[in-house]
Amino acid sequence: MIIYSTDNDSAWALTEEISPAECLNPRVTEWEGSLLMIVDCEDGQRVYELRDMGTAWTEAVGKLSGVWVNARSGVSQKESLHVDALITATIEGGRVMLYTRRGHASGKKRATALCLWVTDNNRTFSVGPVAVDKAANWMLTSTLLHSDGNLHLLQRRDNGEGRVTSLSRLTEELSAIKSVLSNWVQNAFSLQLV
């Protein structure tokens, strides 16, 4: 369930359902007046949308082009590329989505690198790896935090015997994102002049 307010926090309401029974690990963010949710399902990840704070999530096929990848046949969900963290942020005056996706590091078959991506839903850019899971027996989860002009990565690693939680400031990555967004604006302006 999601708690939300539509009247400047005077009254709060709950959404009814959040994801299909066969899907887990919802990541929810607001985008262009809707709530978007990415969930892990047996056949890969799916994107759902909730408009006008209604009661029914609808599958948003093609809504987030390039943001999620369905599991390839013969490849388990753990080995497949998929979105871990998802947030929206206003950076350099533009509204964007930031997400982390597990990827392959150094040509290894196991998905070990956690890569940061940025999209405005028209263009997508891979900022690069922000963490590498070198130990094969560690489970990695992540959350992105954007506040006061800073970007952070909160990670939790768990190997069944112990847990480690860390918070990293992504200063260089935020600088790269600002540069990319500036290029996107310049390219859009150049196309308008043509």
Protein backbone atom coordinates (compact mmCIF):
# COMPACT_ATOMS: atom_id res chain seq x y z
CA MET A 1 0.00 0.00 0.00
CA ILE A 2 1.02 3.59 -0.59
CA ILE A 3 -0.01 6.50 1.64
CA TYR A 4 -0.68 9.76 -0.23
CA SER A 5 -2.27 13.18 0.15
CA THR A 6 -3.94 15.28 -2.54
CA ASP A 7 -4.82 18.31 -0.36
CA ASN A 8 -1.52 19.64 1.05
CA ASP A 9 -1.31 17.02 3.79
CA SER A 10 -4.69 17.77 5.42
CA ALA A 11 -5.99 14.25 4.80
CA TRP A 12 -4.21 11.04 3.91
CA ALA A 13 -5.43 8.03 1.93
CA LEU A 14 -4.18 4.53 1.10
CA THR A 15 -4.04 2.88 -2.29
CA GLU A 16 -5.77 -0.48 -2.30
CA GLU A 17 -3.47 -2.94 -4.02
CA ILE A 18 0.15 -2.48 -4.92
CA SER A 19 1.38 -5.28 -7.18
CA PRO A 20 0.27 -8.59 -8.64
CA ALA A 21 0.51 -11.54 -6.26
CA GLU A 22 3.25 -13.23 -8.28
CA CYS A 23 5.48 -10.12 -8.25
CA LEU A 24 7.75 -8.84 -5.46
CA ASN A 25 10.04 -5.97 -4.45
CA PRO A 26 8.13 -2.91 -5.68
CA ARG A 27 10.06 0.28 -6.44
CA VAL A 28 7.69 3.24 -6.65
CA THR A 29 8.31 6.79 -7.85
CA GLU A 30 6.26 9.73 -9.12
CA TRP A 31 6.59 10.69 -12.78
CA GLU A 32 4.56 13.30 -14.67
CA GLY A 33 1.53 13.12 -12.36
CA SER A 34 1.45 9.32 -12.13
CA LEU A 35 2.97 6.80 -9.79
CA LEU A 36 5.20 4.27 -11.54
CA MET A 37 6.15 0.95 -10.02
CA ILE A 38 8.73 -1.58 -11.17
CA VAL A 39 8.29 -5.08 -9.72
CA ASP A 40 10.24 -8.33 -9.99
CA CYS A 41 8.17 -11.13 -11.51
CA GLU A 42 9.03 -14.70 -12.51
CA ASP A 43 9.45 -13.70 -16.17
CA GLY A 44 11.43 -10.50 -15.51
CA GLN A 45 10.49 -7.03 -14.40
CA ARG A 46 7.24 -5.24 -15.14
CA VAL A 47 6.23 -1.58 -14.98
CA TYR A 48 2.84 -0.53 -13.60
CA GLU A 49 1.22 2.89 -13.49
CA LEU A 50 -1.31 4.48 -11.15
CA ARG A 51 -3.03 7.63 -12.45
CA ASP A 52 -5.03 10.16 -10.42
CA MET A 53 -4.43 8.16 -7.24
CA GLY A 54 -6.95 5.61 -8.42
CA THR A 55 -7.37 2.16 -7.00
CA ALA A 56 -6.05 0.04 -9.86
CA TRP A 57 -2.50 -0.32 -11.10
CA THR A 58 -2.31 -0.95 -14.85
CA GLU A 59 0.63 -2.50 -16.65
CA ALA A 60 2.49 0.23 -18.51
CA VAL A 61 4.02 -1.67 -21.41
CA GLY A 62 6.67 0.48 -23.09
CA LYS A 63 6.22 3.32 -20.58
CA LEU A 64 9.83 3.28 -19.45
CA SER A 65 11.71 2.29 -22.55
CA GLY A 66 15.15 0.97 -21.67
CA VAL A 67 14.59 1.06 -17.91
CA TRP A 68 14.00 -2.64 -17.35
CA VAL A 69 15.03 -5.83 -19.08
CA ASN A 70 13.04 -9.06 -18.99
CA ALA A 71 14.96 -12.15 -18.06
CA ARG A 72 16.45 -13.89 -21.08
CA SER A 73 15.44 -17.50 -21.61
CA GLY A 74 17.68 -19.80 -19.61
CA VAL A 75 18.93 -16.94 -17.40
CA SER A 76 17.76 -16.66 -13.81
CA GLN A 77 16.32 -13.42 -12.39
CA LYS A 78 19.45 -13.01 -10.24
CA GLU A 79 21.71 -13.16 -13.31
CA SER A 80 19.47 -10.98 -15.47
CA LEU A 81 19.93 -7.24 -15.79
CA HIS A 82 17.26 -5.48 -13.77
CA VAL A 83 16.52 -2.21 -11.99
CA ASP A 84 17.40 -2.13 -8.28
CA ALA A 85 16.71 1.45 -7.14
CA LEU A 86 14.46 4.04 -8.81
CA ILE A 87 13.93 7.71 -7.92
CA THR A 88 12.92 10.96 -9.59
CA ALA A 89 14.95 14.11 -9.08
CA THR A 90 15.15 17.68 -10.31
CA ILE A 91 18.72 18.33 -11.42
CA GLU A 92 19.82 21.51 -13.20
CA GLY A 93 16.16 22.49 -13.51
CA GLY A 94 15.18 19.30 -15.35
CA ARG A 95 13.09 16.41 -14.06
CA VAL A 96 14.79 13.03 -14.51
CA MET A 97 14.63 9.46 -13.25
CA LEU A 98 17.74 7.91 -11.74
CA TYR A 99 18.04 4.17 -11.34
CA THR A 100 20.59 1.50 -10.63
CA ARG A 101 20.81 -1.64 -12.69
CA ARG A 102 22.92 -4.68 -12.08
CA GLY A 103 25.28 -5.41 -14.92
CA HIS A 104 28.19 -7.57 -15.89
CA ALA A 105 31.64 -6.45 -14.75
CA SER A 106 34.81 -7.33 -16.63
CA GLY A 107 33.08 -9.80 -18.94
CA LYS A 108 32.04 -12.10 -16.09
CA LYS A 109 28.79 -14.02 -16.47
CA ARG A 110 27.55 -13.18 -12.98
CA ALA A 111 25.89 -9.75 -12.65
CA THR A 112 28.31 -8.06 -10.28
CA ALA A 113 28.44 -4.35 -11.09
CA LEU A 114 25.79 -1.91 -9.92
CA CYS A 115 25.49 0.78 -12.61
CA LEU A 116 23.81 4.19 -12.37
CA TRP A 117 21.54 5.36 -15.20
CA VAL A 118 19.67 8.61 -15.91
CA THR A 119 16.64 9.10 -18.18
CA ASP A 120 14.18 11.85 -19.03
CA ASN A 121 12.00 9.16 -20.67
CA ASN A 122 13.14 10.35 -24.10
CA ARG A 123 16.86 9.66 -23.70
CA THR A 124 18.79 7.31 -21.44
CA PHE A 125 22.44 7.47 -20.39
CA SER A 126 24.62 5.02 -18.46
CA VAL A 127 26.63 7.02 -15.92
CA GLY A 128 28.69 3.93 -15.08
CA PRO A 129 29.36 1.53 -12.21
CA VAL A 130 28.85 2.83 -8.66
CA ALA A 131 29.54 -0.44 -6.82
CA VAL A 132 31.00 -3.86 -7.57
CA ASP A 133 29.99 -7.00 -5.70
CA LYS A 134 33.26 -8.96 -5.72
CA ALA A 135 32.17 -11.69 -3.32
CA ALA A 136 29.91 -14.19 -5.08
CA ASN A 137 28.05 -15.04 -1.88
CA TRP A 138 26.91 -11.49 -0.99
CA MET A 139 23.43 -10.18 -1.76
CA LEU A 140 23.45 -6.50 -2.75
CA THR A 141 20.49 -4.11 -2.46
CA SER A 142 20.61 -0.38 -3.06
CA THR A 143 18.69 2.85 -2.69
CA LEU A 144 19.42 6.21 -4.29
CA LEU A 145 18.94 9.42 -2.32
CA HIS A 146 18.91 12.91 -3.88
CA SER A 147 18.65 15.79 -1.42
CA ASP A 148 20.05 19.32 -1.03
CA GLY A 149 21.88 19.04 -4.36
CA ASN A 150 23.70 15.85 -3.37
CA LEU A 151 23.33 12.29 -4.65
CA HIS A 152 23.99 9.31 -2.38
CA LEU A 153 23.94 5.53 -2.73
CA LEU A 154 22.78 3.50 0.25
CA GLN A 155 23.85 -0.15 -0.04
CA ARG A 156 23.15 -3.21 2.02
CA ARG A 157 25.20 -6.35 1.59
CA ASP A 158 24.21 -9.61 3.23
CA ASN A 159 25.93 -13.00 2.98
CA GLY A 160 23.68 -14.86 5.43
CA GLU A 161 26.27 -14.57 8.20
CA GLY A 162 26.46 -10.80 8.50
CA ARG A 163 25.26 -7.52 7.06
CA VAL A 164 27.07 -4.39 6.01
CA THR A 165 25.31 -1.08 5.30
CA SER A 166 27.15 1.84 3.69
CA LEU A 167 26.32 5.32 2.42
CA SER A 168 28.40 6.78 -0.42
CA ARG A 169 28.27 10.28 -1.85
CA LEU A 170 28.14 10.14 -5.67
CA THR A 171 29.81 13.50 -6.37
CA GLU A 172 31.55 12.55 -9.64
CA GLU A 173 28.49 10.74 -10.90
CA LEU A 174 26.25 13.75 -10.18
CA SER A 175 28.70 15.97 -12.05
CA ALA A 176 28.53 13.59 -15.03
CA ILE A 177 24.70 13.64 -14.89
CA LYS A 178 24.70 17.46 -14.91
CA SER A 179 26.98 17.44 -17.96
CA VAL A 180 24.73 14.95 -19.78
CA LEU A 181 21.61 16.99 -18.99
CA SER A 182 23.32 20.14 -20.25
CA ASN A 183 24.16 18.35 -23.52
CA TRP A 184 20.57 17.12 -23.86
CA VAL A 185 19.28 20.70 -23.47
CA GLN A 186 21.84 22.05 -25.97
CA ASN A 187 20.99 19.34 -28.50
CA ALA A 188 17.26 19.99 -28.14
CA PHE A 189 17.86 23.73 -28.63
CA SER A 190 20.03 23.05 -31.72
CA LEU A 191 17.28 20.90 -33.24
CA GLN A 192 14.77 23.72 -32.74
CA LEU A 193 17.00 26.08 -34.76
CA VAL A 194 17.14 23.72 -37.74
